[in-house]
N, C-alpha and C. Protein backbone atom coordinates (compact mmCIF):
# COMPACT_ATOMS: atom_id res chain seq x y z
N MET A 1 100.96 108.14 106.81
CA MET A 1 101.16 108.93 105.75
C MET A 1 100.60 107.50 105.05
N TYR A 2 100.95 107.84 103.43
CA TYR A 2 100.22 106.77 102.60
C TYR A 2 100.99 106.85 101.02
N TYR A 3 100.93 105.98 100.70
CA TYR A 3 100.85 106.54 98.69
C TYR A 3 100.23 105.50 97.83
N ALA A 4 100.50 107.06 96.97
CA ALA A 4 99.18 106.72 95.68
C ALA A 4 100.03 105.99 94.33
N ARG A 5 99.25 105.28 93.89
CA ARG A 5 100.32 104.21 92.61
C ARG A 5 98.95 105.48 91.47
N VAL A 6 99.60 106.00 90.40
CA VAL A 6 98.89 106.96 89.16
C VAL A 6 99.08 105.71 88.31
N VAL A 7 97.81 105.41 87.58
CA VAL A 7 98.65 104.49 86.19
C VAL A 7 97.89 105.43 84.97
N GLN A 8 98.28 106.01 84.19
CA GLN A 8 98.08 106.64 82.91
C GLN A 8 97.68 105.54 81.74
N TYR A 9 96.93 105.87 80.55
CA TYR A 9 97.04 104.80 79.60
C TYR A 9 95.79 105.88 78.96
N LYS A 10 96.45 105.36 77.58
CA LYS A 10 94.98 105.64 76.53
C LYS A 10 94.61 104.70 75.09
N LEU A 11 93.55 104.59 75.34
CA LEU A 11 92.75 103.55 74.81
C LEU A 11 92.63 104.17 72.82
N GLY A 12 92.01 105.87 73.77
CA GLY A 12 91.90 106.35 71.97
C GLY A 12 90.15 106.44 71.75
N THR A 13 88.96 107.00 71.07
CA THR A 13 88.26 107.47 71.42
C THR A 13 87.53 106.32 70.89
N GLY A 14 85.95 106.28 71.74
CA GLY A 14 85.31 104.90 71.81
C GLY A 14 85.25 103.36 72.18
N HIS A 15 86.49 103.88 73.39
CA HIS A 15 86.98 102.18 73.58
C HIS A 15 85.77 102.43 75.27
N ARG A 16 85.36 103.43 75.70
CA ARG A 16 84.77 103.08 77.05
C ARG A 16 84.93 101.50 77.58
N ASP A 17 84.14 100.90 77.36
CA ASP A 17 83.77 99.64 77.26
C ASP A 17 84.78 98.57 77.54
N ILE A 18 86.08 99.02 76.79
CA ILE A 18 87.45 98.64 77.64
C ILE A 18 87.88 98.79 78.65
N ALA A 19 88.18 100.11 79.21
CA ALA A 19 88.28 100.63 79.96
C ALA A 19 87.57 100.37 81.19
N GLU A 20 86.36 100.33 81.06
CA GLU A 20 85.42 99.40 82.23
C GLU A 20 85.85 98.73 82.90
N LYS A 21 85.76 97.51 81.52
CA LYS A 21 85.92 96.16 81.97
C LYS A 21 87.56 96.16 82.46
N LEU A 22 88.28 96.83 82.34
CA LEU A 22 89.92 96.72 82.55
C LEU A 22 89.61 97.28 84.38
N THR A 23 89.27 98.55 84.39
CA THR A 23 89.20 99.03 85.67
C THR A 23 88.29 98.19 86.46
N LYS A 24 87.31 97.39 86.27
CA LYS A 24 86.20 96.63 87.21
C LYS A 24 87.56 95.05 87.56
N GLU A 25 87.97 94.88 86.55
CA GLU A 25 89.13 93.77 86.43
C GLU A 25 90.25 94.06 87.81
N PHE A 26 91.01 94.83 87.54
CA PHE A 26 92.15 95.30 87.90
C PHE A 26 91.50 95.80 89.55
N ASP A 27 90.23 96.69 90.06
CA ASP A 27 90.28 96.48 90.86
C ASP A 27 89.98 95.82 91.59
N LYS A 28 89.02 94.67 91.65
CA LYS A 28 89.00 93.80 92.17
C LYS A 28 90.41 92.76 92.04
N LYS A 29 91.44 92.49 91.56
CA LYS A 29 92.79 92.12 91.64
C LYS A 29 93.57 93.32 92.90
N SER A 30 92.92 94.51 93.00
CA SER A 30 93.88 95.73 94.07
C SER A 30 93.83 95.28 94.75
N ARG A 31 92.16 95.14 95.14
CA ARG A 31 91.31 94.71 96.49
C ARG A 31 92.03 93.45 97.29
N ASN A 32 92.10 92.81 97.14
CA ASN A 32 92.70 91.60 97.12
C ASN A 32 94.66 91.41 97.47
N LEU A 33 95.27 92.26 97.51
CA LEU A 33 96.69 92.68 98.00
C LEU A 33 97.26 93.32 99.42
N VAL A 34 98.21 92.94 99.56
CA VAL A 34 98.46 93.53 101.03
C VAL A 34 98.07 94.76 100.98
N GLY A 35 98.11 95.78 102.11
CA GLY A 35 98.24 97.54 102.03
C GLY A 35 97.08 98.19 100.82
N PHE A 36 96.41 97.96 100.00
CA PHE A 36 95.56 98.43 99.57
C PHE A 36 94.98 98.86 100.22
N ARG A 37 94.15 100.29 99.98
CA ARG A 37 93.17 101.20 101.06
C ARG A 37 92.13 101.74 100.08
N GLY A 38 92.45 101.98 98.83
CA GLY A 38 91.07 102.59 98.50
C GLY A 38 91.31 102.86 96.22
N SER A 39 90.49 103.48 95.84
CA SER A 39 91.32 103.63 94.35
C SER A 39 90.38 104.54 93.73
N VAL A 40 90.26 105.44 92.56
CA VAL A 40 89.67 106.59 92.38
C VAL A 40 89.82 106.23 91.16
N TYR A 41 89.07 106.37 89.88
CA TYR A 41 89.04 105.90 88.89
C TYR A 41 88.44 107.17 87.60
N PHE A 42 89.59 107.67 86.84
CA PHE A 42 89.41 109.01 85.85
C PHE A 42 88.94 108.51 84.10
N PHE A 43 87.92 108.69 83.71
CA PHE A 43 87.84 108.88 82.82
C PHE A 43 87.82 110.25 81.81
N ASP A 44 88.52 110.22 80.65
CA ASP A 44 88.42 110.82 79.67
C ASP A 44 87.41 111.03 78.43
N ASP A 45 86.65 110.47 78.02
CA ASP A 45 86.27 109.56 77.30
C ASP A 45 86.98 110.54 75.75
N PRO A 46 85.97 111.43 75.93
CA PRO A 46 86.43 112.75 74.34
C PRO A 46 87.73 112.20 73.65
N SER A 47 88.76 112.34 74.96
CA SER A 47 90.38 111.81 74.81
C SER A 47 90.59 110.73 74.27
N GLY A 48 89.98 109.82 75.20
CA GLY A 48 90.05 108.49 74.88
C GLY A 48 91.30 108.29 76.32
N GLU A 49 91.24 108.99 77.32
CA GLU A 49 92.96 109.19 78.04
C GLU A 49 92.03 108.50 79.67
N TYR A 50 92.59 107.28 80.25
CA TYR A 50 92.33 106.89 81.68
C TYR A 50 93.35 107.21 82.89
N ARG A 51 92.89 107.13 84.08
CA ARG A 51 93.56 106.55 85.24
C ARG A 51 92.88 106.37 86.16
N ALA A 52 93.63 105.50 86.87
CA ALA A 52 93.65 104.83 88.07
C ALA A 52 94.85 105.15 89.34
N LEU A 53 94.31 104.94 89.82
CA LEU A 53 94.87 106.10 90.99
C LEU A 53 94.08 104.96 92.43
N SER A 54 95.32 104.52 93.16
CA SER A 54 95.36 103.61 93.85
C SER A 54 96.01 104.37 95.41
N TYR A 55 95.66 103.89 96.28
CA TYR A 55 96.03 104.32 97.52
C TYR A 55 96.72 103.18 98.07
N TRP A 56 98.01 102.84 98.75
CA TRP A 56 98.47 102.33 99.78
C TRP A 56 99.62 102.46 100.54
N ASP A 57 99.63 101.57 101.74
CA ASP A 57 99.62 101.93 102.85
C ASP A 57 101.31 102.58 103.37
N THR A 58 102.01 101.43 102.05
CA THR A 58 103.20 102.17 102.16
C THR A 58 104.08 101.94 100.61
N LYS A 59 104.91 102.64 100.62
CA LYS A 59 105.86 102.37 99.21
C LYS A 59 106.09 101.12 98.84
N GLU A 60 106.33 99.95 99.12
CA GLU A 60 106.92 98.70 99.24
C GLU A 60 105.80 98.38 98.99
N GLU A 61 104.27 98.15 99.16
CA GLU A 61 102.95 97.34 99.21
C GLU A 61 102.66 98.30 98.06
N ALA A 62 102.99 99.44 97.77
CA ALA A 62 102.78 100.14 96.16
C ALA A 62 103.00 99.90 94.88
N GLU A 63 104.48 99.35 94.84
CA GLU A 63 105.27 98.89 94.16
C GLU A 63 105.17 97.03 94.36
N GLN A 64 104.71 96.24 94.99
CA GLN A 64 104.47 95.50 94.84
C GLN A 64 103.13 94.91 94.22
N ALA A 65 102.71 95.96 94.23
CA ALA A 65 100.67 95.50 93.88
C ALA A 65 101.51 96.07 92.07
N HIS A 66 102.35 97.20 91.96
CA HIS A 66 102.75 97.60 90.72
C HIS A 66 103.22 96.29 90.00
N LYS A 67 104.40 95.25 90.71
CA LYS A 67 105.03 94.57 90.09
C LYS A 67 103.84 93.21 90.11
N LYS A 68 103.12 93.16 90.72
CA LYS A 68 102.07 92.02 90.07
C LYS A 68 101.23 92.89 89.11
N LEU A 69 100.31 93.46 89.44
CA LEU A 69 99.55 93.96 88.14
C LEU A 69 99.88 94.63 87.22
N PHE A 70 100.97 95.10 87.00
CA PHE A 70 101.25 95.91 85.87
C PHE A 70 101.77 95.15 84.12
N PRO A 71 102.51 93.71 84.51
CA PRO A 71 102.74 93.29 83.45
C PRO A 71 101.50 92.22 82.80
N GLU A 72 100.20 92.45 83.57
CA GLU A 72 99.30 91.65 83.05
C GLU A 72 98.59 92.24 82.40
N PHE A 73 98.48 93.44 83.38
CA PHE A 73 97.96 95.59 82.61
C PHE A 73 98.65 95.74 81.40
N GLU A 74 99.32 95.76 81.23
CA GLU A 74 100.10 95.81 79.60
C GLU A 74 100.06 94.97 78.77
N GLY A 75 100.05 93.99 78.98
CA GLY A 75 99.38 92.53 77.86
C GLY A 75 98.45 92.84 77.48
N LYS A 76 97.46 93.28 78.28
CA LYS A 76 95.76 92.78 78.03
C LYS A 76 95.83 94.76 77.01
N LEU A 77 96.56 95.62 77.22
CA LEU A 77 96.44 96.94 76.25
C LEU A 77 96.99 96.75 75.25
N GLN A 78 97.97 95.65 75.05
CA GLN A 78 98.69 95.70 73.94
C GLN A 78 97.69 95.52 72.33
N SER A 79 96.19 94.47 72.58
CA SER A 79 95.62 94.11 71.98
C SER A 79 94.40 95.15 71.56
N VAL A 80 94.90 96.72 72.01
CA VAL A 80 93.85 97.21 72.12
C VAL A 80 94.42 98.97 71.60
N THR A 81 95.98 98.90 71.79
CA THR A 81 96.41 100.15 71.48
C THR A 81 98.09 99.74 71.64
N ASN A 82 98.35 100.86 71.18
CA ASN A 82 100.15 101.02 70.80
C ASN A 82 100.69 101.76 71.70
N GLU A 83 100.08 102.44 72.44
CA GLU A 83 99.93 103.25 73.63
C GLU A 83 100.83 102.16 74.72
N LYS A 84 101.96 103.02 75.45
CA LYS A 84 101.90 102.40 76.83
C LYS A 84 101.87 103.25 77.84
N PRO A 85 101.06 101.99 78.40
CA PRO A 85 100.61 103.21 79.77
C PRO A 85 102.03 103.60 80.35
N SER A 86 101.76 104.94 81.80
CA SER A 86 102.79 105.38 82.30
C SER A 86 102.05 104.97 84.32
N VAL A 87 103.16 105.10 84.62
CA VAL A 87 102.91 104.78 86.32
C VAL A 87 103.88 105.44 86.84
N LYS A 88 103.49 106.47 87.60
CA LYS A 88 104.00 106.91 89.16
C LYS A 88 103.63 107.40 90.39
N PHE A 89 104.38 107.16 91.16
CA PHE A 89 104.36 106.80 92.82
C PHE A 89 104.20 108.55 93.34
N TYR A 90 103.66 108.49 94.69
CA TYR A 90 103.77 109.84 95.26
C TYR A 90 103.07 109.25 96.95
N GLU A 91 104.11 109.71 97.42
CA GLU A 91 103.95 110.09 99.05
C GLU A 91 102.09 110.94 98.87
N VAL A 92 101.09 111.16 99.70
CA VAL A 92 99.95 111.68 99.82
C VAL A 92 100.12 112.23 101.19
N PHE A 93 99.79 113.16 101.17
CA PHE A 93 99.95 114.42 101.90
C PHE A 93 98.56 114.98 102.18
N GLU A 94 98.53 115.04 103.73
CA GLU A 94 96.78 115.21 103.87
C GLU A 94 97.21 116.77 104.69
N ALA A 95 96.78 117.63 104.08
CA ALA A 95 96.09 118.74 104.49
C ALA A 95 95.52 119.02 105.91
N THR A 96 94.76 118.58 106.55
CA THR A 96 94.14 118.55 107.62
C THR A 96 94.09 117.26 108.35
N ASP A 97 93.57 117.73 109.84
CA ASP A 97 93.73 116.66 111.00
C ASP A 97 92.22 115.90 111.08
N ASP A 98 91.89 115.27 111.08
CA ASP A 98 90.75 114.57 111.69
C ASP A 98 89.94 115.58 112.45
N GLU A 99 90.15 116.68 112.82
CA GLU A 99 88.94 117.44 113.65
C GLU A 99 88.95 118.40 112.20
N ASP A 100 89.48 119.09 111.79
CA ASP A 100 89.59 119.72 110.76
C ASP A 100 88.58 119.08 109.62
N LEU A 101 88.75 118.11 109.86
CA LEU A 101 88.04 117.65 108.62
C LEU A 101 86.38 117.31 108.54
N MET A 102 86.31 116.93 110.04
CA MET A 102 84.98 117.21 110.34
C MET A 102 84.00 117.84 110.35
N ALA A 103 85.36 119.12 111.30
CA ALA A 103 84.22 120.59 111.10
C ALA A 103 83.66 120.89 109.67
N SER A 104 84.30 120.33 108.33
CA SER A 104 84.26 120.88 107.78
C SER A 104 82.82 120.47 106.94
N HIS A 105 82.51 119.31 107.88
CA HIS A 105 81.51 118.42 106.53
C HIS A 105 80.43 118.56 107.75
N ILE A 106 80.35 119.17 109.03
CA ILE A 106 79.46 119.21 109.67
C ILE A 106 78.36 120.65 109.65
N LYS A 107 76.92 120.48 109.23
CA LYS A 107 75.77 121.39 108.49
C LYS A 107 75.24 122.02 110.17
N ILE A 108 75.87 122.89 110.21
CA ILE A 108 74.90 123.83 111.50
C ILE A 108 73.07 124.39 111.32
């Protein structure tokens, strides 16, 4: 079992360059923290909405990453938008075991 942290924020249209810059900066910082497993980023340019999904070994490590990263992230957003970012934590459930996963990816 592991945990996910999802940060959602809105910049408005025409700010993809800012979203990319923030994503690269905070991805690099996340990778240096204890318990980091990986991340995925979702960009919806027409609505100006963005999401960052990061995976952590434990809930405690996800929460520690949040305490370290979120204040700085929120501060950087203040110069671009009045919208407050939101954060949610999730327990990650794997629906398949490794054997099922491997079988689904082998082409015969």
